[in-house]
Amino acid sequence: MNTATTGLAAGMALGFAGYFGGFWAFLLVLVLGAAGLIVGLVVQGDIDLRTRRQR
């Protein structure tokens, strides 16, 4: 799955949450999506938390 497809899926999920659930559902999906992105980047190895903790 490339970046454009991932962005499209995220935008559609946020759109559905905003339309059907209102602002708070939109905000919840946005926050949980960002947390999932960070966890995914850490697991993938793009973000190394050990170097950030040593500063």
PDB file of N, CA and C in Angstrom:
ATOM      1  N   MET A   1       0.854  -1.169   0.000  1.00  0.00           N
ATOM      2  CA  MET A   1       0.000   0.000   0.000  1.00  0.00           C
ATOM      3  C   MET A   1       0.904   1.237   0.000  1.00  0.00           C
ATOM      4  N   ASN A   2       0.716   2.104  -0.960  1.00  0.00           N
ATOM      5  CA  ASN A   2       1.575   3.285  -1.040  1.00  0.00           C
ATOM      6  C   ASN A   2       1.023   4.442  -0.197  1.00  0.00           C
ATOM      7  N   THR A   3       1.747   5.515  -0.159  1.00  0.00           N
ATOM      8  CA  THR A   3       1.403   6.649   0.690  1.00  0.00           C
ATOM      9  C   THR A   3       0.091   7.299   0.293  1.00  0.00           C
ATOM     10  N   ALA A   4      -0.167   7.414  -1.003  1.00  0.00           N
ATOM     11  CA  ALA A   4      -1.403   8.044  -1.457  1.00  0.00           C
ATOM     12  C   ALA A   4      -2.624   7.226  -1.043  1.00  0.00           C
ATOM     13  N   THR A   5      -2.533   5.917  -1.147  1.00  0.00           N
ATOM     14  CA  THR A   5      -3.651   5.058  -0.760  1.00  0.00           C
ATOM     15  C   THR A   5      -3.883   5.114   0.745  1.00  0.00           C
ATOM     16  N   THR A   6      -2.818   5.129   1.505  1.00  0.00           N
ATOM     17  CA  THR A   6      -2.938   5.240   2.955  1.00  0.00           C
ATOM     18  C   THR A   6      -3.561   6.573   3.344  1.00  0.00           C
ATOM     19  N   GLY A   7      -3.147   7.639   2.699  1.00  0.00           N
ATOM     20  CA  GLY A   7      -3.723   8.958   2.968  1.00  0.00           C
ATOM     21  C   GLY A   7      -5.184   9.025   2.591  1.00  0.00           C
ATOM     22  N   LEU A   8      -5.540   8.398   1.473  1.00  0.00           N
ATOM     23  CA  LEU A   8      -6.935   8.353   1.054  1.00  0.00           C
ATOM     24  C   LEU A   8      -7.780   7.605   2.077  1.00  0.00           C
ATOM     25  N   ALA A   9      -7.298   6.460   2.553  1.00  0.00           N
ATOM     26  CA  ALA A   9      -8.034   5.676   3.541  1.00  0.00           C
ATOM     27  C   ALA A   9      -8.194   6.446   4.854  1.00  0.00           C
ATOM     28  N   ALA A  10      -7.153   7.121   5.280  1.00  0.00           N
ATOM     29  CA  ALA A  10      -7.226   7.909   6.509  1.00  0.00           C
ATOM     30  C   ALA A  10      -8.206   9.070   6.356  1.00  0.00           C
ATOM     31  N   GLY A  11      -8.172   9.737   5.223  1.00  0.00           N
ATOM     32  CA  GLY A  11      -9.103  10.832   4.980  1.00  0.00           C
ATOM     33  C   GLY A  11     -10.543  10.367   4.932  1.00  0.00           C
ATOM     34  N   MET A  12     -10.780   9.219   4.336  1.00  0.00           N
ATOM     35  CA  MET A  12     -12.144   8.684   4.285  1.00  0.00           C
ATOM     36  C   MET A  12     -12.626   8.292   5.683  1.00  0.00           C
ATOM     37  N   ALA A  13     -11.747   7.692   6.481  1.00  0.00           N
ATOM     38  CA  ALA A  13     -12.126   7.320   7.847  1.00  0.00           C
ATOM     39  C   ALA A  13     -12.468   8.560   8.665  1.00  0.00           C
ATOM     40  N   LEU A  14     -11.676   9.613   8.528  1.00  0.00           N
ATOM     41  CA  LEU A  14     -11.965  10.853   9.244  1.00  0.00           C
ATOM     42  C   LEU A  14     -13.251  11.501   8.751  1.00  0.00           C
ATOM     43  N   GLY A  15     -13.478  11.418   7.446  1.00  0.00           N
ATOM     44  CA  GLY A  15     -14.713  11.968   6.891  1.00  0.00           C
ATOM     45  C   GLY A  15     -15.947  11.246   7.404  1.00  0.00           C
ATOM     46  N   PHE A  16     -15.901   9.921   7.420  1.00  0.00           N
ATOM     47  CA  PHE A  16     -17.035   9.151   7.941  1.00  0.00           C
ATOM     48  C   PHE A  16     -17.247   9.430   9.430  1.00  0.00           C
ATOM     49  N   ALA A  17     -16.165   9.514  10.190  1.00  0.00           N
ATOM     50  CA  ALA A  17     -16.298   9.788  11.619  1.00  0.00           C
ATOM     51  C   ALA A  17     -16.898  11.170  11.851  1.00  0.00           C
ATOM     52  N   GLY A  18     -16.472  12.142  11.077  1.00  0.00           N
ATOM     53  CA  GLY A  18     -17.023  13.490  11.224  1.00  0.00           C
ATOM     54  C   GLY A  18     -18.466  13.590  10.796  1.00  0.00           C
ATOM     55  N   TYR A  19     -18.839  12.868   9.753  1.00  0.00           N
ATOM     56  CA  TYR A  19     -20.198  12.944   9.239  1.00  0.00           C
ATOM     57  C   TYR A  19     -21.191  12.206  10.138  1.00  0.00           C
ATOM     58  N   PHE A  20     -20.832  10.998  10.528  1.00  0.00           N
ATOM     59  CA  PHE A  20     -21.765  10.176  11.282  1.00  0.00           C
ATOM     60  C   PHE A  20     -21.657  10.354  12.793  1.00  0.00           C
ATOM     61  N   GLY A  21     -20.493  10.711  13.287  1.00  0.00           N
ATOM     62  CA  GLY A  21     -20.303  10.771  14.731  1.00  0.00           C
ATOM     63  C   GLY A  21     -20.155  12.164  15.297  1.00  0.00           C
ATOM     64  N   GLY A  22     -19.981  13.149  14.458  1.00  0.00           N
ATOM     65  CA  GLY A  22     -19.803  14.511  14.944  1.00  0.00           C
ATOM     66  C   GLY A  22     -18.344  14.836  15.215  1.00  0.00           C
ATOM     67  N   PHE A  23     -18.149  15.965  15.836  1.00  0.00           N
ATOM     68  CA  PHE A  23     -16.802  16.487  16.052  1.00  0.00           C
ATOM     69  C   PHE A  23     -15.972  15.598  16.968  1.00  0.00           C
ATOM     70  N   TRP A  24     -16.556  15.109  18.064  1.00  0.00           N
ATOM     71  CA  TRP A  24     -15.783  14.335  19.030  1.00  0.00           C
ATOM     72  C   TRP A  24     -15.359  12.995  18.443  1.00  0.00           C
ATOM     73  N   ALA A  25     -16.182  12.382  17.625  1.00  0.00           N
ATOM     74  CA  ALA A  25     -15.788  11.141  16.958  1.00  0.00           C
ATOM     75  C   ALA A  25     -14.655  11.423  15.967  1.00  0.00           C
ATOM     76  N   PHE A  26     -14.753  12.530  15.253  1.00  0.00           N
ATOM     77  CA  PHE A  26     -13.693  12.948  14.337  1.00  0.00           C
ATOM     78  C   PHE A  26     -12.378  13.120  15.088  1.00  0.00           C
ATOM     79  N   LEU A  27     -12.440  13.806  16.216  1.00  0.00           N
ATOM     80  CA  LEU A  27     -11.238  14.055  17.010  1.00  0.00           C
ATOM     81  C   LEU A  27     -10.665  12.754  17.565  1.00  0.00           C
ATOM     82  N   LEU A  28     -11.518  11.852  18.030  1.00  0.00           N
ATOM     83  CA  LEU A  28     -11.060  10.565  18.553  1.00  0.00           C
ATOM     84  C   LEU A  28     -10.370   9.744  17.468  1.00  0.00           C
ATOM     85  N   VAL A  29     -10.961   9.698  16.285  1.00  0.00           N
ATOM     86  CA  VAL A  29     -10.352   8.956  15.179  1.00  0.00           C
ATOM     87  C   VAL A  29      -9.024   9.592  14.786  1.00  0.00           C
ATOM     88  N   LEU A  30      -8.951  10.893  14.789  1.00  0.00           N
ATOM     89  CA  LEU A  30      -7.714  11.590  14.450  1.00  0.00           C
ATOM     90  C   LEU A  30      -6.605  11.277  15.453  1.00  0.00           C
ATOM     91  N   VAL A  31      -6.906  11.338  16.737  1.00  0.00           N
ATOM     92  CA  VAL A  31      -5.905  11.080  17.779  1.00  0.00           C
ATOM     93  C   VAL A  31      -5.459   9.619  17.748  1.00  0.00           C
ATOM     94  N   LEU A  32      -6.411   8.698  17.647  1.00  0.00           N
ATOM     95  CA  LEU A  32      -6.048   7.284  17.609  1.00  0.00           C
ATOM     96  C   LEU A  32      -5.290   6.938  16.331  1.00  0.00           C
ATOM     97  N   GLY A  33      -5.629   7.574  15.236  1.00  0.00           N
ATOM     98  CA  GLY A  33      -4.879   7.362  13.995  1.00  0.00           C
ATOM     99  C   GLY A  33      -3.447   7.852  14.106  1.00  0.00           C
ATOM    100  N   ALA A  34      -3.251   8.994  14.734  1.00  0.00           N
ATOM    101  CA  ALA A  34      -1.891   9.513  14.930  1.00  0.00           C
ATOM    102  C   ALA A  34      -1.091   8.600  15.855  1.00  0.00           C
ATOM    103  N   ALA A  35      -1.733   8.094  16.914  1.00  0.00           N
ATOM    104  CA  ALA A  35      -1.048   7.170  17.815  1.00  0.00           C
ATOM    105  C   ALA A  35      -0.679   5.885  17.082  1.00  0.00           C
ATOM    106  N   GLY A  36      -1.575   5.384  16.256  1.00  0.00           N
ATOM    107  CA  GLY A  36      -1.286   4.188  15.476  1.00  0.00           C
ATOM    108  C   GLY A  36      -0.153   4.411  14.486  1.00  0.00           C
ATOM    109  N   LEU A  37      -0.118   5.591  13.897  1.00  0.00           N
ATOM    110  CA  LEU A  37       0.962   5.926  12.972  1.00  0.00           C
ATOM    111  C   LEU A  37       2.309   5.930  13.686  1.00  0.00           C
ATOM    112  N   ILE A  38       2.364   6.515  14.857  1.00  0.00           N
ATOM    113  CA  ILE A  38       3.607   6.576  15.613  1.00  0.00           C
ATOM    114  C   ILE A  38       4.061   5.176  16.016  1.00  0.00           C
ATOM    115  N   VAL A  39       3.137   4.357  16.502  1.00  0.00           N
ATOM    116  CA  VAL A  39       3.482   2.984  16.874  1.00  0.00           C
ATOM    117  C   VAL A  39       3.968   2.210  15.652  1.00  0.00           C
ATOM    118  N   GLY A  40       3.305   2.381  14.533  1.00  0.00           N
ATOM    119  CA  GLY A  40       3.713   1.707  13.306  1.00  0.00           C
ATOM    120  C   GLY A  40       5.097   2.123  12.852  1.00  0.00           C
ATOM    121  N   LEU A  41       5.413   3.399  12.952  1.00  0.00           N
ATOM    122  CA  LEU A  41       6.741   3.876  12.573  1.00  0.00           C
ATOM    123  C   LEU A  41       7.825   3.360  13.511  1.00  0.00           C
ATOM    124  N   VAL A  42       7.491   3.226  14.798  1.00  0.00           N
ATOM    125  CA  VAL A  42       8.458   2.685  15.758  1.00  0.00           C
ATOM    126  C   VAL A  42       8.713   1.214  15.454  1.00  0.00           C
ATOM    127  N   VAL A  43       7.648   0.450  15.215  1.00  0.00           N
ATOM    128  CA  VAL A  43       7.797  -0.971  14.922  1.00  0.00           C
ATOM    129  C   VAL A  43       8.552  -1.181  13.612  1.00  0.00           C
ATOM    130  N   GLN A  44       8.280  -0.341  12.635  1.00  0.00           N
ATOM    131  CA  GLN A  44       8.939  -0.443  11.335  1.00  0.00           C
ATOM    132  C   GLN A  44      10.406  -0.042  11.415  1.00  0.00           C
ATOM    133  N   GLY A  45      10.758   0.761  12.396  1.00  0.00           N
ATOM    134  CA  GLY A  45      12.140   1.171  12.572  1.00  0.00           C
ATOM    135  C   GLY A  45      12.441   2.559  12.040  1.00  0.00           C
ATOM    136  N   ASP A  46      11.444   3.292  11.579  1.00  0.00           N
ATOM    137  CA  ASP A  46      11.674   4.642  11.070  1.00  0.00           C
ATOM    138  C   ASP A  46      11.899   5.649  12.189  1.00  0.00           C
ATOM    139  N   ILE A  47      11.369   5.362  13.365  1.00  0.00           N
ATOM    140  CA  ILE A  47      11.590   6.210  14.534  1.00  0.00           C
ATOM    141  C   ILE A  47      12.305   5.361  15.578  1.00  0.00           C
ATOM    142  N   ASP A  48      13.459   5.833  16.036  1.00  0.00           N
ATOM    143  CA  ASP A  48      14.215   5.118  17.051  1.00  0.00           C
ATOM    144  C   ASP A  48      14.099   5.884  18.359  1.00  0.00           C
ATOM    145  N   LEU A  49      13.356   5.334  19.298  1.00  0.00           N
ATOM    146  CA  LEU A  49      13.120   6.025  20.560  1.00  0.00           C
ATOM    147  C   LEU A  49      14.357   6.052  21.451  1.00  0.00           C
ATOM    148  N   ARG A  50      15.270   5.106  21.271  1.00  0.00           N
ATOM    149  CA  ARG A  50      16.476   5.081  22.106  1.00  0.00           C
ATOM    150  C   ARG A  50      17.332   6.313  21.878  1.00  0.00           C
ATOM    151  N   THR A  51      17.437   6.777  20.634  1.00  0.00           N
ATOM    152  CA  THR A  51      18.257   7.970  20.374  1.00  0.00           C
ATOM    153  C   THR A  51      17.580   9.227  20.899  1.00  0.00           C
ATOM    154  N   ARG A  52      16.263   9.242  20.945  1.00  0.00           N
ATOM    155  CA  ARG A  52      15.551  10.414  21.466  1.00  0.00           C
ATOM    156  C   ARG A  52      15.624  10.496  22.985  1.00  0.00           C
ATOM    157  N   ARG A  53      15.734   9.359  23.663  1.00  0.00           N
ATOM    158  CA  ARG A  53      15.791   9.343  25.124  1.00  0.00           C
ATOM    159  C   ARG A  53      17.172   9.712  25.639  1.00  0.00           C
ATOM    160  N   GLN A  54      18.218   9.576  24.831  1.00  0.00           N
ATOM    161  CA  GLN A  54      19.584   9.835  25.291  1.00  0.00           C
ATOM    162  C   GLN A  54      19.920  11.307  25.297  1.00  0.00           C
ATOM    163  N   ARG A  55      19.121  12.132  24.743  1.00  0.00           N
ATOM    164  CA  ARG A  55      19.412  13.581  24.696  1.00  0.00           C
ATOM    165  C   ARG A  55      19.263  14.225  26.037  1.00  0.00           C
TER     166      ARG A  55
END
